[in-house]
Amino acid sequence: MQMKHEVVLPHDGGGFTLIETLVVVALLAVIAVMSAPSLVAWHVRDQVDARASALLSTLSYARSEAVRRGARVTVCR
């Protein structure tokens, strides 16, 4: 009976090295840090728009109630 010896050669180009992966992670972190202020500003603008819309709907409702009742209507906080 004869035994076969197989030579295992290293596999080239099949994946990413640790350094390449760390560079990509670092770039993603830099992009996330740079985009965070604009996301915060967008969130604040969205909150202001929502509150302005709520105020407008409250004033419209108060106006319609004043017309329906034929009396002065006061909007309180």
PDB file of N, CA and C in Angstrom:
ATOM      1  N   MET A   1       0.839  -1.167   0.000  1.00  0.00           N
ATOM      2  CA  MET A   1       0.000   0.000   0.000  1.00  0.00           C
ATOM      3  C   MET A   1       0.886   1.232   0.000  1.00  0.00           C
ATOM      4  N   GLN A   2       0.554   2.154  -0.885  1.00  0.00           N
ATOM      5  CA  GLN A   2       1.385   3.340  -1.045  1.00  0.00           C
ATOM      6  C   GLN A   2       0.648   4.561  -0.499  1.00  0.00           C
ATOM      7  N   MET A   3       1.302   5.414   0.291  1.00  0.00           N
ATOM      8  CA  MET A   3       0.696   6.622   0.869  1.00  0.00           C
ATOM      9  C   MET A   3       0.968   7.802  -0.046  1.00  0.00           C
ATOM     10  N   LYS A   4      -0.049   8.626  -0.196  1.00  0.00           N
ATOM     11  CA  LYS A   4       0.109   9.831  -1.007  1.00  0.00           C
ATOM     12  C   LYS A   4       0.355  11.012  -0.093  1.00  0.00           C
ATOM     13  N   HIS A   5       1.312  11.810  -0.438  1.00  0.00           N
ATOM     14  CA  HIS A   5       1.609  13.020   0.318  1.00  0.00           C
ATOM     15  C   HIS A   5       1.133  14.224  -0.488  1.00  0.00           C
ATOM     16  N   GLU A   6       0.243  15.004   0.100  1.00  0.00           N
ATOM     17  CA  GLU A   6      -0.244  16.198  -0.587  1.00  0.00           C
ATOM     18  C   GLU A   6       0.456  17.419  -0.018  1.00  0.00           C
ATOM     19  N   VAL A   7       0.864  18.264  -0.900  1.00  0.00           N
ATOM     20  CA  VAL A   7       1.509  19.506  -0.485  1.00  0.00           C
ATOM     21  C   VAL A   7       0.443  20.595  -0.456  1.00  0.00           C
ATOM     22  N   VAL A   8       0.328  21.265   0.689  1.00  0.00           N
ATOM     23  CA  VAL A   8      -0.658  22.331   0.833  1.00  0.00           C
ATOM     24  C   VAL A   8       0.053  23.653   0.588  1.00  0.00           C
ATOM     25  N   LEU A   9      -0.400  24.357  -0.438  1.00  0.00           N
ATOM     26  CA  LEU A   9       0.183  25.657  -0.771  1.00  0.00           C
ATOM     27  C   LEU A   9      -0.691  26.764  -0.193  1.00  0.00           C
ATOM     28  N   PRO A  10      -0.078  27.854   0.221  1.00  0.00           N
ATOM     29  CA  PRO A  10      -0.889  28.961   0.735  1.00  0.00           C
ATOM     30  C   PRO A  10      -1.778  29.535  -0.364  1.00  0.00           C
ATOM     31  N   HIS A  11      -2.963  29.931   0.040  1.00  0.00           N
ATOM     32  CA  HIS A  11      -3.960  30.452  -0.900  1.00  0.00           C
ATOM     33  C   HIS A  11      -3.790  31.971  -1.000  1.00  0.00           C
ATOM     34  N   ASP A  12      -3.503  32.467  -2.194  1.00  0.00           N
ATOM     35  CA  ASP A  12      -3.278  33.906  -2.384  1.00  0.00           C
ATOM     36  C   ASP A  12      -4.524  34.599  -2.918  1.00  0.00           C
ATOM     37  N   GLY A  13      -4.784  35.819  -2.378  1.00  0.00           N
ATOM     38  CA  GLY A  13      -5.827  36.678  -2.925  1.00  0.00           C
ATOM     39  C   GLY A  13      -7.248  36.260  -2.629  1.00  0.00           C
ATOM     40  N   GLY A  14      -7.475  35.458  -1.651  1.00  0.00           N
ATOM     41  CA  GLY A  14      -8.810  34.981  -1.390  1.00  0.00           C
ATOM     42  C   GLY A  14      -9.597  35.784  -0.382  1.00  0.00           C
ATOM     43  N   GLY A  15      -8.992  36.760   0.270  1.00  0.00           N
ATOM     44  CA  GLY A  15      -9.703  37.502   1.303  1.00  0.00           C
ATOM     45  C   GLY A  15      -9.045  38.834   1.587  1.00  0.00           C
ATOM     46  N   PHE A  16      -9.437  39.410   2.696  1.00  0.00           N
ATOM     47  CA  PHE A  16      -8.891  40.699   3.106  1.00  0.00           C
ATOM     48  C   PHE A  16      -7.912  40.493   4.250  1.00  0.00           C
ATOM     49  N   THR A  17      -6.881  41.299   4.240  1.00  0.00           N
ATOM     50  CA  THR A  17      -5.931  41.226   5.350  1.00  0.00           C
ATOM     51  C   THR A  17      -6.472  42.027   6.525  1.00  0.00           C
ATOM     52  N   LEU A  18      -5.853  41.839   7.651  1.00  0.00           N
ATOM     53  CA  LEU A  18      -6.269  42.561   8.851  1.00  0.00           C
ATOM     54  C   LEU A  18      -6.081  44.058   8.673  1.00  0.00           C
ATOM     55  N   ILE A  19      -5.006  44.466   8.049  1.00  0.00           N
ATOM     56  CA  ILE A  19      -4.747  45.894   7.834  1.00  0.00           C
ATOM     57  C   ILE A  19      -5.803  46.497   6.914  1.00  0.00           C
ATOM     58  N   GLU A  20      -6.173  45.820   5.852  1.00  0.00           N
ATOM     59  CA  GLU A  20      -7.211  46.326   4.949  1.00  0.00           C
ATOM     60  C   GLU A  20      -8.538  46.480   5.683  1.00  0.00           C
ATOM     61  N   THR A  21      -8.868  45.518   6.496  1.00  0.00           N
ATOM     62  CA  THR A  21     -10.117  45.581   7.255  1.00  0.00           C
ATOM     63  C   THR A  21     -10.097  46.738   8.244  1.00  0.00           C
ATOM     64  N   LEU A  22      -8.972  46.952   8.927  1.00  0.00           N
ATOM     65  CA  LEU A  22      -8.858  48.050   9.878  1.00  0.00           C
ATOM     66  C   LEU A  22      -8.930  49.400   9.181  1.00  0.00           C
ATOM     67  N   VAL A  23      -8.365  49.517   7.993  1.00  0.00           N
ATOM     68  CA  VAL A  23      -8.444  50.770   7.231  1.00  0.00           C
ATOM     69  C   VAL A  23      -9.893  51.069   6.865  1.00  0.00           C
ATOM     70  N   VAL A  24     -10.620  50.074   6.421  1.00  0.00           N
ATOM     71  CA  VAL A  24     -12.028  50.277   6.070  1.00  0.00           C
ATOM     72  C   VAL A  24     -12.843  50.676   7.288  1.00  0.00           C
ATOM     73  N   VAL A  25     -12.618  50.032   8.408  1.00  0.00           N
ATOM     74  CA  VAL A  25     -13.337  50.369   9.637  1.00  0.00           C
ATOM     75  C   VAL A  25     -13.003  51.793  10.067  1.00  0.00           C
ATOM     76  N   ALA A  26     -11.745  52.192   9.960  1.00  0.00           N
ATOM     77  CA  ALA A  26     -11.343  53.556  10.325  1.00  0.00           C
ATOM     78  C   ALA A  26     -12.008  54.579   9.405  1.00  0.00           C
ATOM     79  N   LEU A  27     -12.061  54.307   8.119  1.00  0.00           N
ATOM     80  CA  LEU A  27     -12.730  55.216   7.184  1.00  0.00           C
ATOM     81  C   LEU A  27     -14.217  55.336   7.490  1.00  0.00           C
ATOM     82  N   LEU A  28     -14.859  54.237   7.807  1.00  0.00           N
ATOM     83  CA  LEU A  28     -16.279  54.289   8.165  1.00  0.00           C
ATOM     84  C   LEU A  28     -16.496  55.095   9.438  1.00  0.00           C
ATOM     85  N   ALA A  29     -15.587  54.977  10.390  1.00  0.00           N
ATOM     86  CA  ALA A  29     -15.697  55.752  11.625  1.00  0.00           C
ATOM     87  C   ALA A  29     -15.545  57.241  11.345  1.00  0.00           C
ATOM     88  N   VAL A  30     -14.607  57.607  10.486  1.00  0.00           N
ATOM     89  CA  VAL A  30     -14.412  59.019  10.134  1.00  0.00           C
ATOM     90  C   VAL A  30     -15.651  59.566   9.436  1.00  0.00           C
ATOM     91  N   ILE A  31     -16.214  58.817   8.521  1.00  0.00           N
ATOM     92  CA  ILE A  31     -17.420  59.259   7.814  1.00  0.00           C
ATOM     93  C   ILE A  31     -18.585  59.402   8.791  1.00  0.00           C
ATOM     94  N   ALA A  32     -18.721  58.489   9.731  1.00  0.00           N
ATOM     95  CA  ALA A  32     -19.808  58.570  10.716  1.00  0.00           C
ATOM     96  C   ALA A  32     -19.655  59.797  11.604  1.00  0.00           C
ATOM     97  N   VAL A  33     -18.423  60.080  12.011  1.00  0.00           N
ATOM     98  CA  VAL A  33     -18.188  61.249  12.873  1.00  0.00           C
ATOM     99  C   VAL A  33     -18.465  62.544  12.110  1.00  0.00           C
ATOM    100  N   MET A  34     -18.118  62.569  10.841  1.00  0.00           N
ATOM    101  CA  MET A  34     -18.344  63.783  10.050  1.00  0.00           C
ATOM    102  C   MET A  34     -19.820  63.996   9.732  1.00  0.00           C
ATOM    103  N   SER A  35     -20.598  62.935   9.616  1.00  0.00           N
ATOM    104  CA  SER A  35     -22.001  63.081   9.257  1.00  0.00           C
ATOM    105  C   SER A  35     -22.909  63.267  10.471  1.00  0.00           C
ATOM    106  N   ALA A  36     -22.428  63.008  11.671  1.00  0.00           N
ATOM    107  CA  ALA A  36     -23.256  63.108  12.875  1.00  0.00           C
ATOM    108  C   ALA A  36     -23.814  64.512  13.100  1.00  0.00           C
ATOM    109  N   PRO A  37     -23.049  65.590  12.954  1.00  0.00           N
ATOM    110  CA  PRO A  37     -23.627  66.927  13.173  1.00  0.00           C
ATOM    111  C   PRO A  37     -24.768  67.257  12.211  1.00  0.00           C
ATOM    112  N   SER A  38     -24.654  66.841  10.970  1.00  0.00           N
ATOM    113  CA  SER A  38     -25.729  67.130  10.026  1.00  0.00           C
ATOM    114  C   SER A  38     -26.986  66.333  10.378  1.00  0.00           C
ATOM    115  N   LEU A  39     -26.827  65.135  10.912  1.00  0.00           N
ATOM    116  CA  LEU A  39     -27.994  64.357  11.327  1.00  0.00           C
ATOM    117  C   LEU A  39     -28.674  64.997  12.535  1.00  0.00           C
ATOM    118  N   VAL A  40     -27.886  65.548  13.450  1.00  0.00           N
ATOM    119  CA  VAL A  40     -28.450  66.219  14.618  1.00  0.00           C
ATOM    120  C   VAL A  40     -29.211  67.467  14.179  1.00  0.00           C
ATOM    121  N   ALA A  41     -28.638  68.234  13.253  1.00  0.00           N
ATOM    122  CA  ALA A  41     -29.312  69.435  12.744  1.00  0.00           C
ATOM    123  C   ALA A  41     -30.607  69.057  12.029  1.00  0.00           C
ATOM    124  N   TRP A  42     -30.586  67.971  11.272  1.00  0.00           N
ATOM    125  CA  TRP A  42     -31.796  67.527  10.581  1.00  0.00           C
ATOM    126  C   TRP A  42     -32.875  67.153  11.602  1.00  0.00           C
ATOM    127  N   HIS A  43     -32.487  66.483  12.678  1.00  0.00           N
ATOM    128  CA  HIS A  43     -33.440  66.071  13.706  1.00  0.00           C
ATOM    129  C   HIS A  43     -34.065  67.287  14.389  1.00  0.00           C
ATOM    130  N   VAL A  44     -33.252  68.299  14.670  1.00  0.00           N
ATOM    131  CA  VAL A  44     -33.765  69.519  15.300  1.00  0.00           C
ATOM    132  C   VAL A  44     -34.739  70.226  14.363  1.00  0.00           C
ATOM    133  N   ARG A  45     -34.378  70.329  13.085  1.00  0.00           N
ATOM    134  CA  ARG A  45     -35.289  70.958  12.103  1.00  0.00           C
ATOM    135  C   ARG A  45     -36.604  70.192  12.010  1.00  0.00           C
ATOM    136  N   ASP A  46     -36.520  68.881  12.061  1.00  0.00           N
ATOM    137  CA  ASP A  46     -37.725  68.058  11.996  1.00  0.00           C
ATOM    138  C   ASP A  46     -38.616  68.307  13.212  1.00  0.00           C
ATOM    139  N   GLN A  47     -38.022  68.457  14.387  1.00  0.00           N
ATOM    140  CA  GLN A  47     -38.807  68.746  15.593  1.00  0.00           C
ATOM    141  C   GLN A  47     -39.472  70.114  15.499  1.00  0.00           C
ATOM    142  N   VAL A  48     -38.756  71.113  14.995  1.00  0.00           N
ATOM    143  CA  VAL A  48     -39.327  72.449  14.837  1.00  0.00           C
ATOM    144  C   VAL A  48     -40.486  72.410  13.854  1.00  0.00           C
ATOM    145  N   ASP A  49     -40.321  71.705  12.749  1.00  0.00           N
ATOM    146  CA  ASP A  49     -41.401  71.585  11.766  1.00  0.00           C
ATOM    147  C   ASP A  49     -42.628  70.908  12.369  1.00  0.00           C
ATOM    148  N   ALA A  50     -42.411  69.877  13.170  1.00  0.00           N
ATOM    149  CA  ALA A  50     -43.531  69.164  13.791  1.00  0.00           C
ATOM    150  C   ALA A  50     -44.276  70.066  14.769  1.00  0.00           C
ATOM    151  N   ARG A  51     -43.548  70.842  15.553  1.00  0.00           N
ATOM    152  CA  ARG A  51     -44.195  71.738  16.516  1.00  0.00           C
ATOM    153  C   ARG A  51     -44.928  72.866  15.809  1.00  0.00           C
ATOM    154  N   ALA A  52     -44.353  73.381  14.723  1.00  0.00           N
ATOM    155  CA  ALA A  52     -45.027  74.430  13.957  1.00  0.00           C
ATOM    156  C   ALA A  52     -46.316  73.890  13.336  1.00  0.00           C
ATOM    157  N   SER A  53     -46.268  72.672  12.854  1.00  0.00           N
ATOM    158  CA  SER A  53     -47.465  72.050  12.277  1.00  0.00           C
ATOM    159  C   SER A  53     -48.536  71.840  13.345  1.00  0.00           C
ATOM    160  N   ALA A  54     -48.127  71.427  14.538  1.00  0.00           N
ATOM    161  CA  ALA A  54     -49.089  71.242  15.629  1.00  0.00           C
ATOM    162  C   ALA A  54     -49.724  72.562  16.033  1.00  0.00           C
ATOM    163  N   LEU A  55     -48.933  73.634  16.081  1.00  0.00           N
ATOM    164  CA  LEU A  55     -49.471  74.949  16.409  1.00  0.00           C
ATOM    165  C   LEU A  55     -50.452  75.412  15.345  1.00  0.00           C
ATOM    166  N   LEU A  56     -50.111  75.203  14.087  1.00  0.00           N
ATOM    167  CA  LEU A  56     -51.004  75.596  12.997  1.00  0.00           C
ATOM    168  C   LEU A  56     -52.325  74.841  13.071  1.00  0.00           C
ATOM    169  N   SER A  57     -52.284  73.559  13.343  1.00  0.00           N
ATOM    170  CA  SER A  57     -53.521  72.794  13.428  1.00  0.00           C
ATOM    171  C   SER A  57     -54.347  73.219  14.645  1.00  0.00           C
ATOM    172  N   THR A  58     -53.690  73.560  15.753  1.00  0.00           N
ATOM    173  CA  THR A  58     -54.403  74.035  16.939  1.00  0.00           C
ATOM    174  C   THR A  58     -55.095  75.358  16.666  1.00  0.00           C
ATOM    175  N   LEU A  59     -54.397  76.274  15.988  1.00  0.00           N
ATOM    176  CA  LEU A  59     -55.004  77.567  15.659  1.00  0.00           C
ATOM    177  C   LEU A  59     -56.145  77.411  14.659  1.00  0.00           C
ATOM    178  N   SER A  60     -56.013  76.505  13.720  1.00  0.00           N
ATOM    179  CA  SER A  60     -57.104  76.247  12.766  1.00  0.00           C
ATOM    180  C   SER A  60     -58.327  75.687  13.476  1.00  0.00           C
ATOM    181  N   TYR A  61     -58.095  74.788  14.407  1.00  0.00           N
ATOM    182  CA  TYR A  61     -59.199  74.219  15.175  1.00  0.00           C
ATOM    183  C   TYR A  61     -59.875  75.291  16.026  1.00  0.00           C
ATOM    184  N   ALA A  62     -59.074  76.152  16.653  1.00  0.00           N
ATOM    185  CA  ALA A  62     -59.642  77.230  17.477  1.00  0.00           C
ATOM    186  C   ALA A  62     -60.475  78.179  16.605  1.00  0.00           C
ATOM    187  N   ARG A  63     -59.998  78.467  15.432  1.00  0.00           N
ATOM    188  CA  ARG A  63     -60.746  79.347  14.523  1.00  0.00           C
ATOM    189  C   ARG A  63     -62.072  78.713  14.129  1.00  0.00           C
ATOM    190  N   SER A  64     -62.036  77.425  13.781  1.00  0.00           N
ATOM    191  CA  SER A  64     -63.279  76.765  13.368  1.00  0.00           C
ATOM    192  C   SER A  64     -64.274  76.693  14.535  1.00  0.00           C
ATOM    193  N   GLU A  65     -63.765  76.482  15.748  1.00  0.00           N
ATOM    194  CA  GLU A  65     -64.645  76.468  16.924  1.00  0.00           C
ATOM    195  C   GLU A  65     -65.227  77.852  17.184  1.00  0.00           C
ATOM    196  N   ALA A  66     -64.449  78.897  16.984  1.00  0.00           N
ATOM    197  CA  ALA A  66     -64.951  80.258  17.183  1.00  0.00           C
ATOM    198  C   ALA A  66     -66.049  80.581  16.177  1.00  0.00           C
ATOM    199  N   VAL A  67     -65.869  80.146  14.939  1.00  0.00           N
ATOM    200  CA  VAL A  67     -66.902  80.379  13.917  1.00  0.00           C
ATOM    201  C   VAL A  67     -68.135  79.565  14.251  1.00  0.00           C
ATOM    202  N   ARG A  68     -67.967  78.328  14.657  1.00  0.00           N
ATOM    203  CA  ARG A  68     -69.112  77.459  14.949  1.00  0.00           C
ATOM    204  C   ARG A  68     -69.915  77.984  16.139  1.00  0.00           C
ATOM    205  N   ARG A  69     -69.214  78.419  17.183  1.00  0.00           N
ATOM    206  CA  ARG A  69     -69.889  78.901  18.389  1.00  0.00           C
ATOM    207  C   ARG A  69     -70.336  80.360  18.270  1.00  0.00           C
ATOM    208  N   GLY A  70     -69.692  81.082  17.388  1.00  0.00           N
ATOM    209  CA  GLY A  70     -70.013  82.496  17.283  1.00  0.00           C
ATOM    210  C   GLY A  70     -69.506  83.291  18.469  1.00  0.00           C
ATOM    211  N   ALA A  71     -68.403  82.839  19.049  1.00  0.00           N
ATOM    212  CA  ALA A  71     -67.870  83.488  20.254  1.00  0.00           C
ATOM    213  C   ALA A  71     -66.344  83.481  20.162  1.00  0.00           C
ATOM    214  N   ARG A  72     -65.731  84.242  21.050  1.00  0.00           N
ATOM    215  CA  ARG A  72     -64.281  84.306  21.116  1.00  0.00           C
ATOM    216  C   ARG A  72     -63.728  83.019  21.743  1.00  0.00           C
ATOM    217  N   VAL A  73     -62.672  82.507  21.172  1.00  0.00           N
ATOM    218  CA  VAL A  73     -62.034  81.279  21.672  1.00  0.00           C
ATOM    219  C   VAL A  73     -60.590  81.627  22.026  1.00  0.00           C
ATOM    220  N   THR A  74     -60.144  81.174  23.177  1.00  0.00           N
ATOM    221  CA  THR A  74     -58.789  81.421  23.629  1.00  0.00           C
ATOM    222  C   THR A  74     -57.980  80.119  23.574  1.00  0.00           C
ATOM    223  N   VAL A  75     -56.800  80.199  23.026  1.00  0.00           N
ATOM    224  CA  VAL A  75     -55.906  79.052  22.980  1.00  0.00           C
ATOM    225  C   VAL A  75     -54.902  79.192  24.117  1.00  0.00           C
ATOM    226  N   CYS A  76     -54.883  78.206  25.001  1.00  0.00           N
ATOM    227  CA  CYS A  76     -53.973  78.224  26.145  1.00  0.00           C
ATOM    228  C   CYS A  76     -52.847  77.207  25.903  1.00  0.00           C
ATOM    229  N   ARG A  77     -51.786  77.383  26.623  1.00  0.00           N
ATOM    230  CA  ARG A  77     -50.645  76.490  26.504  1.00  0.00           C
ATOM    231  C   ARG A  77     -50.962  75.090  26.960  1.00  0.00           C
TER     232      ARG A  77
END
